[in-house]
Amino acid sequence: MTAVFVYVVTSVVIFLVDVLLFWAALASGIHYLLANAVIFVALSLAQFAMLRQRLYPRTRWWRGFTVFIGVGSLGLLLQNVFLAVGIEVLRAPPLAAKLVAVVVAFLAVYLLRRRMLGANHG
């Protein structure tokens, strides 16, 4: 399997879990920004654990982790901005805003990680 395929498959799994947990958090009355932040951090760590063996050689483990989480922080910022604008300004339903936020963040984070970590990333 190619690195891109592995990254996309794990991202789809993470995406589905993300949306399901976000929906459950909203149904439980948790504020959307808090729910998004907690879910994002937990799933970023899970995704790194899933991708570590395939994308990051042992000699670059800490560098890969630092870049993965550091760039992921930009993804969290993008998601929260798009969520807030979508929900508060545009009055979009939270799940619709979440879908847009995830797509924008995914593309930005993927491209930055690929650029910073090299071809092994995808």
PDB file of N, CA and C in Angstrom:
ATOM      1  N   MET A   1       0.838  -1.194   0.000  1.00  0.00           N
ATOM      2  CA  MET A   1       0.000   0.000   0.000  1.00  0.00           C
ATOM      3  C   MET A   1       0.878   1.252   0.000  1.00  0.00           C
ATOM      4  N   THR A   2       0.447   2.245  -0.733  1.00  0.00           N
ATOM      5  CA  THR A   2       1.209   3.485  -0.774  1.00  0.00           C
ATOM      6  C   THR A   2       0.930   4.305   0.480  1.00  0.00           C
ATOM      7  N   ALA A   3       1.832   5.226   0.767  1.00  0.00           N
ATOM      8  CA  ALA A   3       1.679   6.082   1.941  1.00  0.00           C
ATOM      9  C   ALA A   3       0.413   6.943   1.835  1.00  0.00           C
ATOM     10  N   VAL A   4       0.120   7.409   0.620  1.00  0.00           N
ATOM     11  CA  VAL A   4      -1.082   8.233   0.443  1.00  0.00           C
ATOM     12  C   VAL A   4      -2.330   7.415   0.768  1.00  0.00           C
ATOM     13  N   PHE A   5      -2.384   6.190   0.274  1.00  0.00           N
ATOM     14  CA  PHE A   5      -3.539   5.330   0.535  1.00  0.00           C
ATOM     15  C   PHE A   5      -3.715   5.090   2.030  1.00  0.00           C
ATOM     16  N   VAL A   6      -2.630   4.785   2.724  1.00  0.00           N
ATOM     17  CA  VAL A   6      -2.688   4.554   4.173  1.00  0.00           C
ATOM     18  C   VAL A   6      -3.174   5.809   4.887  1.00  0.00           C
ATOM     19  N   TYR A   7      -2.642   6.963   4.502  1.00  0.00           N
ATOM     20  CA  TYR A   7      -3.042   8.226   5.115  1.00  0.00           C
ATOM     21  C   TYR A   7      -4.523   8.507   4.883  1.00  0.00           C
ATOM     22  N   VAL A   8      -4.993   8.283   3.669  1.00  0.00           N
ATOM     23  CA  VAL A   8      -6.402   8.537   3.341  1.00  0.00           C
ATOM     24  C   VAL A   8      -7.318   7.580   4.103  1.00  0.00           C
ATOM     25  N   VAL A   9      -6.969   6.304   4.153  1.00  0.00           N
ATOM     26  CA  VAL A   9      -7.808   5.335   4.866  1.00  0.00           C
ATOM     27  C   VAL A   9      -7.887   5.677   6.349  1.00  0.00           C
ATOM     28  N   THR A  10      -6.748   5.959   6.969  1.00  0.00           N
ATOM     29  CA  THR A  10      -6.798   6.318   8.394  1.00  0.00           C
ATOM     30  C   THR A  10      -7.552   7.629   8.599  1.00  0.00           C
ATOM     31  N   SER A  11      -7.419   8.551   7.675  1.00  0.00           N
ATOM     32  CA  SER A  11      -8.133   9.829   7.784  1.00  0.00           C
ATOM     33  C   SER A  11      -9.641   9.634   7.680  1.00  0.00           C
ATOM     34  N   VAL A  12     -10.085   8.745   6.816  1.00  0.00           N
ATOM     35  CA  VAL A  12     -11.519   8.473   6.693  1.00  0.00           C
ATOM     36  C   VAL A  12     -12.047   7.854   7.989  1.00  0.00           C
ATOM     37  N   VAL A  13     -11.310   6.917   8.553  1.00  0.00           N
ATOM     38  CA  VAL A  13     -11.717   6.307   9.823  1.00  0.00           C
ATOM     39  C   VAL A  13     -11.785   7.371  10.916  1.00  0.00           C
ATOM     40  N   ILE A  14     -10.743   8.196  11.002  1.00  0.00           N
ATOM     41  CA  ILE A  14     -10.711   9.268  12.004  1.00  0.00           C
ATOM     42  C   ILE A  14     -11.869  10.233  11.778  1.00  0.00           C
ATOM     43  N   PHE A  15     -12.137  10.566  10.529  1.00  0.00           N
ATOM     44  CA  PHE A  15     -13.240  11.476  10.200  1.00  0.00           C
ATOM     45  C   PHE A  15     -14.579  10.932  10.697  1.00  0.00           C
ATOM     46  N   LEU A  16     -14.838   9.667  10.435  1.00  0.00           N
ATOM     47  CA  LEU A  16     -16.110   9.072  10.854  1.00  0.00           C
ATOM     48  C   LEU A  16     -16.246   9.058  12.378  1.00  0.00           C
ATOM     49  N   VAL A  17     -15.186   8.714  13.059  1.00  0.00           N
ATOM     50  CA  VAL A  17     -15.205   8.725  14.528  1.00  0.00           C
ATOM     51  C   VAL A  17     -15.368  10.158  15.033  1.00  0.00           C
ATOM     52  N   ASP A  18     -14.688  11.097  14.399  1.00  0.00           N
ATOM     53  CA  ASP A  18     -14.767  12.514  14.764  1.00  0.00           C
ATOM     54  C   ASP A  18     -16.204  13.022  14.691  1.00  0.00           C
ATOM     55  N   VAL A  19     -16.858  12.791  13.567  1.00  0.00           N
ATOM     56  CA  VAL A  19     -18.226  13.276  13.381  1.00  0.00           C
ATOM     57  C   VAL A  19     -19.181  12.596  14.368  1.00  0.00           C
ATOM     58  N   LEU A  20     -19.021  11.309  14.577  1.00  0.00           N
ATOM     59  CA  LEU A  20     -19.868  10.586  15.528  1.00  0.00           C
ATOM     60  C   LEU A  20     -19.689  11.120  16.946  1.00  0.00           C
ATOM     61  N   LEU A  21     -18.451  11.314  17.378  1.00  0.00           N
ATOM     62  CA  LEU A  21     -18.197  11.856  18.720  1.00  0.00           C
ATOM     63  C   LEU A  21     -18.685  13.294  18.849  1.00  0.00           C
ATOM     64  N   PHE A  22     -18.514  14.075  17.795  1.00  0.00           N
ATOM     65  CA  PHE A  22     -18.994  15.463  17.810  1.00  0.00           C
ATOM     66  C   PHE A  22     -20.511  15.501  17.963  1.00  0.00           C
ATOM     67  N   TRP A  23     -21.196  14.668  17.207  1.00  0.00           N
ATOM     68  CA  TRP A  23     -22.650  14.588  17.293  1.00  0.00           C
ATOM     69  C   TRP A  23     -23.080  14.181  18.710  1.00  0.00           C
ATOM     70  N   ALA A  24     -22.406  13.179  19.278  1.00  0.00           N
ATOM     71  CA  ALA A  24     -22.734  12.721  20.633  1.00  0.00           C
ATOM     72  C   ALA A  24     -22.462  13.811  21.661  1.00  0.00           C
ATOM     73  N   ALA A  25     -21.373  14.554  21.494  1.00  0.00           N
ATOM     74  CA  ALA A  25     -21.050  15.642  22.425  1.00  0.00           C
ATOM     75  C   ALA A  25     -22.103  16.739  22.364  1.00  0.00           C
ATOM     76  N   LEU A  26     -22.526  17.094  21.151  1.00  0.00           N
ATOM     77  CA  LEU A  26     -23.577  18.105  21.011  1.00  0.00           C
ATOM     78  C   LEU A  26     -24.877  17.635  21.639  1.00  0.00           C
ATOM     79  N   ALA A  27     -25.215  16.376  21.427  1.00  0.00           N
ATOM     80  CA  ALA A  27     -26.440  15.813  22.013  1.00  0.00           C
ATOM     81  C   ALA A  27     -26.378  15.792  23.530  1.00  0.00           C
ATOM     82  N   SER A  28     -25.153  15.745  24.069  1.00  0.00           N
ATOM     83  CA  SER A  28     -24.974  15.745  25.528  1.00  0.00           C
ATOM     84  C   SER A  28     -24.919  17.150  26.106  1.00  0.00           C
ATOM     85  N   GLY A  29     -24.987  18.156  25.251  1.00  0.00           N
ATOM     86  CA  GLY A  29     -24.991  19.539  25.724  1.00  0.00           C
ATOM     87  C   GLY A  29     -23.614  20.157  25.872  1.00  0.00           C
ATOM     88  N   ILE A  30     -22.585  19.511  25.373  1.00  0.00           N
ATOM     89  CA  ILE A  30     -21.226  20.060  25.449  1.00  0.00           C
ATOM     90  C   ILE A  30     -21.063  21.126  24.364  1.00  0.00           C
ATOM     91  N   HIS A  31     -20.447  22.244  24.727  1.00  0.00           N
ATOM     92  CA  HIS A  31     -20.244  23.329  23.767  1.00  0.00           C
ATOM     93  C   HIS A  31     -19.424  22.822  22.574  1.00  0.00           C
ATOM     94  N   TYR A  32     -19.789  23.258  21.374  1.00  0.00           N
ATOM     95  CA  TYR A  32     -19.180  22.722  20.165  1.00  0.00           C
ATOM     96  C   TYR A  32     -17.679  22.970  20.066  1.00  0.00           C
ATOM     97  N   LEU A  33     -17.192  24.116  20.556  1.00  0.00           N
ATOM     98  CA  LEU A  33     -15.753  24.380  20.463  1.00  0.00           C
ATOM     99  C   LEU A  33     -14.951  23.511  21.428  1.00  0.00           C
ATOM    100  N   LEU A  34     -15.476  23.319  22.628  1.00  0.00           N
ATOM    101  CA  LEU A  34     -14.811  22.443  23.588  1.00  0.00           C
ATOM    102  C   LEU A  34     -14.816  21.006  23.077  1.00  0.00           C
ATOM    103  N   ALA A  35     -15.966  20.558  22.595  1.00  0.00           N
ATOM    104  CA  ALA A  35     -16.067  19.199  22.062  1.00  0.00           C
ATOM    105  C   ALA A  35     -15.092  19.010  20.907  1.00  0.00           C
ATOM    106  N   ASN A  36     -15.045  19.962  20.000  1.00  0.00           N
ATOM    107  CA  ASN A  36     -14.157  19.852  18.850  1.00  0.00           C
ATOM    108  C   ASN A  36     -12.699  19.771  19.276  1.00  0.00           C
ATOM    109  N   ALA A  37     -12.304  20.605  20.224  1.00  0.00           N
ATOM    110  CA  ALA A  37     -10.907  20.625  20.668  1.00  0.00           C
ATOM    111  C   ALA A  37     -10.503  19.302  21.316  1.00  0.00           C
ATOM    112  N   VAL A  38     -11.320  18.801  22.217  1.00  0.00           N
ATOM    113  CA  VAL A  38     -10.988  17.551  22.911  1.00  0.00           C
ATOM    114  C   VAL A  38     -10.943  16.382  21.932  1.00  0.00           C
ATOM    115  N   ILE A  39     -11.934  16.320  21.064  1.00  0.00           N
ATOM    116  CA  ILE A  39     -11.982  15.235  20.074  1.00  0.00           C
ATOM    117  C   ILE A  39     -10.794  15.332  19.115  1.00  0.00           C
ATOM    118  N   PHE A  40     -10.478  16.536  18.682  1.00  0.00           N
ATOM    119  CA  PHE A  40      -9.378  16.728  17.740  1.00  0.00           C
ATOM    120  C   PHE A  40      -8.060  16.247  18.330  1.00  0.00           C
ATOM    121  N   VAL A  41      -7.777  16.630  19.568  1.00  0.00           N
ATOM    122  CA  VAL A  41      -6.519  16.231  20.204  1.00  0.00           C
ATOM    123  C   VAL A  41      -6.454  14.709  20.350  1.00  0.00           C
ATOM    124  N   ALA A  42      -7.518  14.116  20.857  1.00  0.00           N
ATOM    125  CA  ALA A  42      -7.528  12.662  21.060  1.00  0.00           C
ATOM    126  C   ALA A  42      -7.359  11.914  19.741  1.00  0.00           C
ATOM    127  N   LEU A  43      -8.067  12.350  18.722  1.00  0.00           N
ATOM    128  CA  LEU A  43      -7.992  11.647  17.439  1.00  0.00           C
ATOM    129  C   LEU A  43      -6.689  11.926  16.690  1.00  0.00           C
ATOM    130  N   SER A  44      -6.081  13.068  16.918  1.00  0.00           N
ATOM    131  CA  SER A  44      -4.767  13.329  16.314  1.00  0.00           C
ATOM    132  C   SER A  44      -3.729  12.367  16.878  1.00  0.00           C
ATOM    133  N   LEU A  45      -3.778  12.149  18.189  1.00  0.00           N
ATOM    134  CA  LEU A  45      -2.856  11.187  18.804  1.00  0.00           C
ATOM    135  C   LEU A  45      -3.124   9.776  18.286  1.00  0.00           C
ATOM    136  N   ALA A  46      -4.393   9.429  18.151  1.00  0.00           N
ATOM    137  CA  ALA A  46      -4.744   8.102  17.634  1.00  0.00           C
ATOM    138  C   ALA A  46      -4.271   7.939  16.193  1.00  0.00           C
ATOM    139  N   GLN A  47      -4.457   8.966  15.391  1.00  0.00           N
ATOM    140  CA  GLN A  47      -4.040   8.874  13.998  1.00  0.00           C
ATOM    141  C   GLN A  47      -2.521   8.755  13.889  1.00  0.00           C
ATOM    142  N   PHE A  48      -1.799   9.506  14.686  1.00  0.00           N
ATOM    143  CA  PHE A  48      -0.345   9.383  14.653  1.00  0.00           C
ATOM    144  C   PHE A  48       0.082   7.963  15.025  1.00  0.00           C
ATOM    145  N   ALA A  49      -0.552   7.405  16.036  1.00  0.00           N
ATOM    146  CA  ALA A  49      -0.219   6.040  16.450  1.00  0.00           C
ATOM    147  C   ALA A  49      -0.477   5.051  15.308  1.00  0.00           C
ATOM    148  N   MET A  50      -1.569   5.254  14.567  1.00  0.00           N
ATOM    149  CA  MET A  50      -1.878   4.370  13.449  1.00  0.00           C
ATOM    150  C   MET A  50      -0.892   4.530  12.289  1.00  0.00           C
ATOM    151  N   LEU A  51      -0.409   5.739  12.071  1.00  0.00           N
ATOM    152  CA  LEU A  51       0.451   6.028  10.925  1.00  0.00           C
ATOM    153  C   LEU A  51       1.942   5.892  11.221  1.00  0.00           C
ATOM    154  N   ARG A  52       2.306   5.867  12.467  1.00  0.00           N
ATOM    155  CA  ARG A  52       3.714   5.942  12.853  1.00  0.00           C
ATOM    156  C   ARG A  52       4.596   4.908  12.155  1.00  0.00           C
ATOM    157  N   GLN A  53       4.211   3.667  12.193  1.00  0.00           N
ATOM    158  CA  GLN A  53       5.042   2.614  11.602  1.00  0.00           C
ATOM    159  C   GLN A  53       5.209   2.780  10.091  1.00  0.00           C
ATOM    160  N   ARG A  54       4.161   3.202   9.440  1.00  0.00           N
ATOM    161  CA  ARG A  54       4.178   3.284   7.977  1.00  0.00           C
ATOM    162  C   ARG A  54       4.865   4.547   7.458  1.00  0.00           C
ATOM    163  N   LEU A  55       4.624   5.666   8.124  1.00  0.00           N
ATOM    164  CA  LEU A  55       5.079   6.936   7.572  1.00  0.00           C
ATOM    165  C   LEU A  55       6.334   7.512   8.208  1.00  0.00           C
ATOM    166  N   TYR A  56       6.644   7.086   9.411  1.00  0.00           N
ATOM    167  CA  TYR A  56       7.769   7.698  10.115  1.00  0.00           C
ATOM    168  C   TYR A  56       8.774   6.644  10.554  1.00  0.00           C
ATOM    169  N   PRO A  57       9.931   6.598   9.907  1.00  0.00           N
ATOM    170  CA  PRO A  57      10.958   5.651  10.341  1.00  0.00           C
ATOM    171  C   PRO A  57      11.333   5.924  11.804  1.00  0.00           C
ATOM    172  N   ARG A  58      11.755   4.912  12.505  1.00  0.00           N
ATOM    173  CA  ARG A  58      12.088   5.049  13.937  1.00  0.00           C
ATOM    174  C   ARG A  58      13.097   6.160  14.194  1.00  0.00           C
ATOM    175  N   THR A  59      13.998   6.383  13.273  1.00  0.00           N
ATOM    176  CA  THR A  59      15.008   7.413  13.489  1.00  0.00           C
ATOM    177  C   THR A  59      14.411   8.821  13.466  1.00  0.00           C
ATOM    178  N   ARG A  60      13.234   8.963  12.880  1.00  0.00           N
ATOM    179  CA  ARG A  60      12.598  10.291  12.804  1.00  0.00           C
ATOM    180  C   ARG A  60      11.335  10.359  13.652  1.00  0.00           C
ATOM    181  N   TRP A  61      11.168   9.438  14.589  1.00  0.00           N
ATOM    182  CA  TRP A  61       9.926   9.350  15.349  1.00  0.00           C
ATOM    183  C   TRP A  61       9.560  10.668  16.022  1.00  0.00           C
ATOM    184  N   TRP A  62      10.479  11.273  16.777  1.00  0.00           N
ATOM    185  CA  TRP A  62      10.156  12.507  17.499  1.00  0.00           C
ATOM    186  C   TRP A  62       9.929  13.680  16.558  1.00  0.00           C
ATOM    187  N   ARG A  63      10.707  13.732  15.486  1.00  0.00           N
ATOM    188  CA  ARG A  63      10.486  14.805  14.511  1.00  0.00           C
ATOM    189  C   ARG A  63       9.113  14.643  13.871  1.00  0.00           C
ATOM    190  N   GLY A  64       8.789  13.429  13.495  1.00  0.00           N
ATOM    191  CA  GLY A  64       7.481  13.169  12.908  1.00  0.00           C
ATOM    192  C   GLY A  64       6.359  13.522  13.863  1.00  0.00           C
ATOM    193  N   PHE A  65       6.517  13.141  15.129  1.00  0.00           N
ATOM    194  CA  PHE A  65       5.489  13.438  16.130  1.00  0.00           C
ATOM    195  C   PHE A  65       5.342  14.941  16.321  1.00  0.00           C
ATOM    196  N   THR A  66       6.469  15.635  16.430  1.00  0.00           N
ATOM    197  CA  THR A  66       6.440  17.088  16.652  1.00  0.00           C
ATOM    198  C   THR A  66       5.757  17.806  15.492  1.00  0.00           C
ATOM    199  N   VAL A  67       6.124  17.447  14.277  1.00  0.00           N
ATOM    200  CA  VAL A  67       5.511  18.091  13.108  1.00  0.00           C
ATOM    201  C   VAL A  67       4.047  17.690  12.998  1.00  0.00           C
ATOM    202  N   PHE A  68       3.747  16.406  13.204  1.00  0.00           N
ATOM    203  CA  PHE A  68       2.371  15.917  13.087  1.00  0.00           C
ATOM    204  C   PHE A  68       1.443  16.670  14.044  1.00  0.00           C
ATOM    205  N   ILE A  69       1.855  16.781  15.302  1.00  0.00           N
ATOM    206  CA  ILE A  69       1.028  17.452  16.304  1.00  0.00           C
ATOM    207  C   ILE A  69       1.079  18.972  16.136  1.00  0.00           C
ATOM    208  N   GLY A  70       2.257  19.497  15.819  1.00  0.00           N
ATOM    209  CA  GLY A  70       2.370  20.942  15.624  1.00  0.00           C
ATOM    210  C   GLY A  70       1.506  21.443  14.485  1.00  0.00           C
ATOM    211  N   VAL A  71       1.589  20.780  13.352  1.00  0.00           N
ATOM    212  CA  VAL A  71       0.756  21.163  12.205  1.00  0.00           C
ATOM    213  C   VAL A  71      -0.703  20.854  12.506  1.00  0.00           C
ATOM    214  N   GLY A  72      -0.942  19.775  13.245  1.00  0.00           N
ATOM    215  CA  GLY A  72      -2.306  19.452  13.657  1.00  0.00           C
ATOM    216  C   GLY A  72      -2.938  20.573  14.464  1.00  0.00           C
ATOM    217  N   SER A  73      -2.120  21.295  15.220  1.00  0.00           N
ATOM    218  CA  SER A  73      -2.636  22.430  16.004  1.00  0.00           C
ATOM    219  C   SER A  73      -3.207  23.503  15.083  1.00  0.00           C
ATOM    220  N   LEU A  74      -2.572  23.680  13.929  1.00  0.00           N
ATOM    221  CA  LEU A  74      -3.121  24.599  12.930  1.00  0.00           C
ATOM    222  C   LEU A  74      -4.474  24.086  12.441  1.00  0.00           C
ATOM    223  N   GLY A  75      -4.564  22.775  12.274  1.00  0.00           N
ATOM    224  CA  GLY A  75      -5.837  22.174  11.872  1.00  0.00           C
ATOM    225  C   GLY A  75      -6.927  22.427  12.893  1.00  0.00           C
ATOM    226  N   LEU A  76      -6.577  22.325  14.170  1.00  0.00           N
ATOM    227  CA  LEU A  76      -7.555  22.610  15.224  1.00  0.00           C
ATOM    228  C   LEU A  76      -7.993  24.067  15.167  1.00  0.00           C
ATOM    229  N   LEU A  77      -7.053  24.970  14.994  1.00  0.00           N
ATOM    230  CA  LEU A  77      -7.393  26.387  14.879  1.00  0.00           C
ATOM    231  C   LEU A  77      -8.322  26.623  13.685  1.00  0.00           C
ATOM    232  N   LEU A  78      -7.978  26.057  12.537  1.00  0.00           N
ATOM    233  CA  LEU A  78      -8.829  26.211  11.352  1.00  0.00           C
ATOM    234  C   LEU A  78     -10.230  25.648  11.591  1.00  0.00           C
ATOM    235  N   GLN A  79     -10.287  24.460  12.196  1.00  0.00           N
ATOM    236  CA  GLN A  79     -11.600  23.862  12.461  1.00  0.00           C
ATOM    237  C   GLN A  79     -12.424  24.742  13.378  1.00  0.00           C
ATOM    238  N   ASN A  80     -11.826  25.246  14.447  1.00  0.00           N
ATOM    239  CA  ASN A  80     -12.600  26.065  15.382  1.00  0.00           C
ATOM    240  C   ASN A  80     -13.043  27.381  14.761  1.00  0.00           C
ATOM    241  N   VAL A  81     -12.198  27.983  13.930  1.00  0.00           N
ATOM    242  CA  VAL A  81     -12.599  29.219  13.248  1.00  0.00           C
ATOM    243  C   VAL A  81     -13.765  28.946  12.303  1.00  0.00           C
ATOM    244  N   PHE A  82     -13.656  27.892  11.493  1.00  0.00           N
ATOM    245  CA  PHE A  82     -14.729  27.568  10.553  1.00  0.00           C
ATOM    246  C   PHE A  82     -16.007  27.154  11.285  1.00  0.00           C
ATOM    247  N   LEU A  83     -15.865  26.453  12.397  1.00  0.00           N
ATOM    248  CA  LEU A  83     -17.044  26.089  13.189  1.00  0.00           C
ATOM    249  C   LEU A  83     -17.732  27.338  13.732  1.00  0.00           C
ATOM    250  N   ALA A  84     -16.950  28.223  14.341  1.00  0.00           N
ATOM    251  CA  ALA A  84     -17.519  29.425  14.945  1.00  0.00           C
ATOM    252  C   ALA A  84     -18.185  30.311  13.896  1.00  0.00           C
ATOM    253  N   VAL A  85     -17.505  30.523  12.781  1.00  0.00           N
ATOM    254  CA  VAL A  85     -18.093  31.350  11.717  1.00  0.00           C
ATOM    255  C   VAL A  85     -19.328  30.669  11.150  1.00  0.00           C
ATOM    256  N   GLY A  86     -19.231  29.382  10.895  1.00  0.00           N
ATOM    257  CA  GLY A  86     -20.377  28.663  10.335  1.00  0.00           C
ATOM    258  C   GLY A  86     -21.583  28.671  11.248  1.00  0.00           C
ATOM    259  N   ILE A  87     -21.360  28.438  12.526  1.00  0.00           N
ATOM    260  CA  ILE A  87     -22.472  28.335  13.467  1.00  0.00           C
ATOM    261  C   ILE A  87     -22.963  29.700  13.933  1.00  0.00           C
ATOM    262  N   GLU A  88     -22.048  30.561  14.337  1.00  0.00           N
ATOM    263  CA  GLU A  88     -22.440  31.847  14.928  1.00  0.00           C
ATOM    264  C   GLU A  88     -22.781  32.919  13.902  1.00  0.00           C
ATOM    265  N   VAL A  89     -22.042  32.962  12.799  1.00  0.00           N
ATOM    266  CA  VAL A  89     -22.247  34.024  11.815  1.00  0.00           C
ATOM    267  C   VAL A  89     -23.218  33.587  10.718  1.00  0.00           C
ATOM    268  N   LEU A  90     -22.963  32.427  10.147  1.00  0.00           N
ATOM    269  CA  LEU A  90     -23.791  31.962   9.036  1.00  0.00           C
ATOM    270  C   LEU A  90     -25.022  31.187   9.491  1.00  0.00           C
ATOM    271  N   ARG A  91     -25.081  30.870  10.775  1.00  0.00           N
ATOM    272  CA  ARG A  91     -26.210  30.129  11.370  1.00  0.00           C
ATOM    273  C   ARG A  91     -26.425  28.762  10.722  1.00  0.00           C
ATOM    274  N   ALA A  92     -25.320  28.142  10.323  1.00  0.00           N
ATOM    275  CA  ALA A  92     -25.394  26.793   9.743  1.00  0.00           C
ATOM    276  C   ALA A  92     -25.600  25.777  10.864  1.00  0.00           C
ATOM    277  N   PRO A  93     -26.220  24.666  10.566  1.00  0.00           N
ATOM    278  CA  PRO A  93     -26.330  23.598  11.567  1.00  0.00           C
ATOM    279  C   PRO A  93     -24.923  23.141  11.979  1.00  0.00           C
ATOM    280  N   PRO A  94     -24.723  22.810  13.240  1.00  0.00           N
ATOM    281  CA  PRO A  94     -23.383  22.431  13.713  1.00  0.00           C
ATOM    282  C   PRO A  94     -22.720  21.300  12.916  1.00  0.00           C
ATOM    283  N   LEU A  95     -23.468  20.280  12.545  1.00  0.00           N
ATOM    284  CA  LEU A  95     -22.843  19.181  11.794  1.00  0.00           C
ATOM    285  C   LEU A  95     -22.426  19.614  10.393  1.00  0.00           C
ATOM    286  N   ALA A  96     -23.191  20.490   9.780  1.00  0.00           N
ATOM    287  CA  ALA A  96     -22.810  21.007   8.456  1.00  0.00           C
ATOM    288  C   ALA A  96     -21.541  21.848   8.566  1.00  0.00           C
ATOM    289  N   ALA A  97     -21.488  22.702   9.586  1.00  0.00           N
ATOM    290  CA  ALA A  97     -20.286  23.513   9.805  1.00  0.00           C
ATOM    291  C   ALA A  97     -19.083  22.617  10.099  1.00  0.00           C
ATOM    292  N   LYS A  98     -19.312  21.551  10.857  1.00  0.00           N
ATOM    293  CA  LYS A  98     -18.241  20.609  11.184  1.00  0.00           C
ATOM    294  C   LYS A  98     -17.690  19.955   9.914  1.00  0.00           C
ATOM    295  N   LEU A  99     -18.563  19.541   9.011  1.00  0.00           N
ATOM    296  CA  LEU A  99     -18.119  18.893   7.778  1.00  0.00           C
ATOM    297  C   LEU A  99     -17.228  19.822   6.950  1.00  0.00           C
ATOM    298  N   VAL A 100     -17.649  21.078   6.817  1.00  0.00           N
ATOM    299  CA  VAL A 100     -16.846  22.049   6.070  1.00  0.00           C
ATOM    300  C   VAL A 100     -15.516  22.277   6.780  1.00  0.00           C
ATOM    301  N   ALA A 101     -15.572  22.440   8.097  1.00  0.00           N
ATOM    302  CA  ALA A 101     -14.357  22.685   8.882  1.00  0.00           C
ATOM    303  C   ALA A 101     -13.366  21.535   8.754  1.00  0.00           C
ATOM    304  N   VAL A 102     -13.863  20.308   8.782  1.00  0.00           N
ATOM    305  CA  VAL A 102     -12.985  19.139   8.684  1.00  0.00           C
ATOM    306  C   VAL A 102     -12.316  19.076   7.315  1.00  0.00           C
ATOM    307  N   VAL A 103     -13.062  19.326   6.266  1.00  0.00           N
ATOM    308  CA  VAL A 103     -12.495  19.260   4.914  1.00  0.00           C
ATOM    309  C   VAL A 103     -11.404  20.313   4.741  1.00  0.00           C
ATOM    310  N   VAL A 104     -11.679  21.531   5.152  1.00  0.00           N
ATOM    311  CA  VAL A 104     -10.691  22.611   5.023  1.00  0.00           C
ATOM    312  C   VAL A 104      -9.446  22.290   5.844  1.00  0.00           C
ATOM    313  N   ALA A 105      -9.637  21.876   7.082  1.00  0.00           N
ATOM    314  CA  ALA A 105      -8.501  21.569   7.959  1.00  0.00           C
ATOM    315  C   ALA A 105      -7.712  20.373   7.425  1.00  0.00           C
ATOM    316  N   PHE A 106      -8.414  19.344   6.968  1.00  0.00           N
ATOM    317  CA  PHE A 106      -7.727  18.162   6.449  1.00  0.00           C
ATOM    318  C   PHE A 106      -6.809  18.528   5.296  1.00  0.00           C
ATOM    319  N   LEU A 107      -7.312  19.287   4.333  1.00  0.00           N
ATOM    320  CA  LEU A 107      -6.502  19.658   3.174  1.00  0.00           C
ATOM    321  C   LEU A 107      -5.287  20.484   3.575  1.00  0.00           C
ATOM    322  N   ALA A 108      -5.501  21.470   4.429  1.00  0.00           N
ATOM    323  CA  ALA A 108      -4.395  22.328   4.864  1.00  0.00           C
ATOM    324  C   ALA A 108      -3.351  21.531   5.640  1.00  0.00           C
ATOM    325  N   VAL A 109      -3.799  20.701   6.559  1.00  0.00           N
ATOM    326  CA  VAL A 109      -2.880  19.923   7.389  1.00  0.00           C
ATOM    327  C   VAL A 109      -2.138  18.882   6.548  1.00  0.00           C
ATOM    328  N   TYR A 110      -2.841  18.203   5.678  1.00  0.00           N
ATOM    329  CA  TYR A 110      -2.188  17.200   4.835  1.00  0.00           C
ATOM    330  C   TYR A 110      -1.081  17.834   4.000  1.00  0.00           C
ATOM    331  N   LEU A 111      -1.390  18.949   3.347  1.00  0.00           N
ATOM    332  CA  LEU A 111      -0.403  19.592   2.491  1.00  0.00           C
ATOM    333  C   LEU A 111       0.798  20.090   3.287  1.00  0.00           C
ATOM    334  N   LEU A 112       0.569  20.656   4.455  1.00  0.00           N
ATOM    335  CA  LEU A 112       1.689  21.120   5.281  1.00  0.00           C
ATOM    336  C   LEU A 112       2.525  19.961   5.809  1.00  0.00           C
ATOM    337  N   ARG A 113       1.869  18.912   6.275  1.00  0.00           N
ATOM    338  CA  ARG A 113       2.622  17.757   6.778  1.00  0.00           C
ATOM    339  C   ARG A 113       3.453  17.130   5.669  1.00  0.00           C
ATOM    340  N   ARG A 114       2.874  17.031   4.500  1.00  0.00           N
ATOM    341  CA  ARG A 114       3.601  16.443   3.368  1.00  0.00           C
ATOM    342  C   ARG A 114       4.829  17.280   3.027  1.00  0.00           C
ATOM    343  N   ARG A 115       4.640  18.583   3.027  1.00  0.00           N
ATOM    344  CA  ARG A 115       5.756  19.474   2.712  1.00  0.00           C
ATOM    345  C   ARG A 115       6.851  19.412   3.780  1.00  0.00           C
ATOM    346  N   MET A 116       6.456  19.360   5.032  1.00  0.00           N
ATOM    347  CA  MET A 116       7.429  19.389   6.121  1.00  0.00           C
ATOM    348  C   MET A 116       8.086  18.030   6.383  1.00  0.00           C
ATOM    349  N   LEU A 117       7.355  16.945   6.131  1.00  0.00           N
ATOM    350  CA  LEU A 117       7.883  15.616   6.445  1.00  0.00           C
ATOM    351  C   LEU A 117       8.385  14.876   5.210  1.00  0.00           C
ATOM    352  N   GLY A 118       8.153  15.409   4.052  1.00  0.00           N
ATOM    353  CA  GLY A 118       8.698  14.805   2.843  1.00  0.00           C
ATOM    354  C   GLY A 118       7.782  13.780   2.206  1.00  0.00           C
ATOM    355  N   ALA A 119       8.295  13.146   1.188  1.00  0.00           N
ATOM    356  CA  ALA A 119       7.525  12.229   0.354  1.00  0.00           C
ATOM    357  C   ALA A 119       7.023  11.019   1.111  1.00  0.00           C
ATOM    358  N   ASN A 120       7.706  10.592   2.171  1.00  0.00           N
ATOM    359  CA  ASN A 120       7.247   9.442   2.943  1.00  0.00           C
ATOM    360  C   ASN A 120       5.853   9.660   3.498  1.00  0.00           C
ATOM    361  N   HIS A 121       5.499  10.912   3.669  1.00  0.00           N
ATOM    362  CA  HIS A 121       4.213  11.210   4.293  1.00  0.00           C
ATOM    363  C   HIS A 121       3.040  10.961   3.367  1.00  0.00           C
ATOM    364  N   GLY A 122       3.235  11.014   2.102  1.00  0.00           N
ATOM    365  CA  GLY A 122       2.097  10.764   1.228  1.00  0.00           C
ATOM    366  C   GLY A 122       2.248  11.245  -0.133  1.00  0.00           C
TER     367      GLY A 122
END
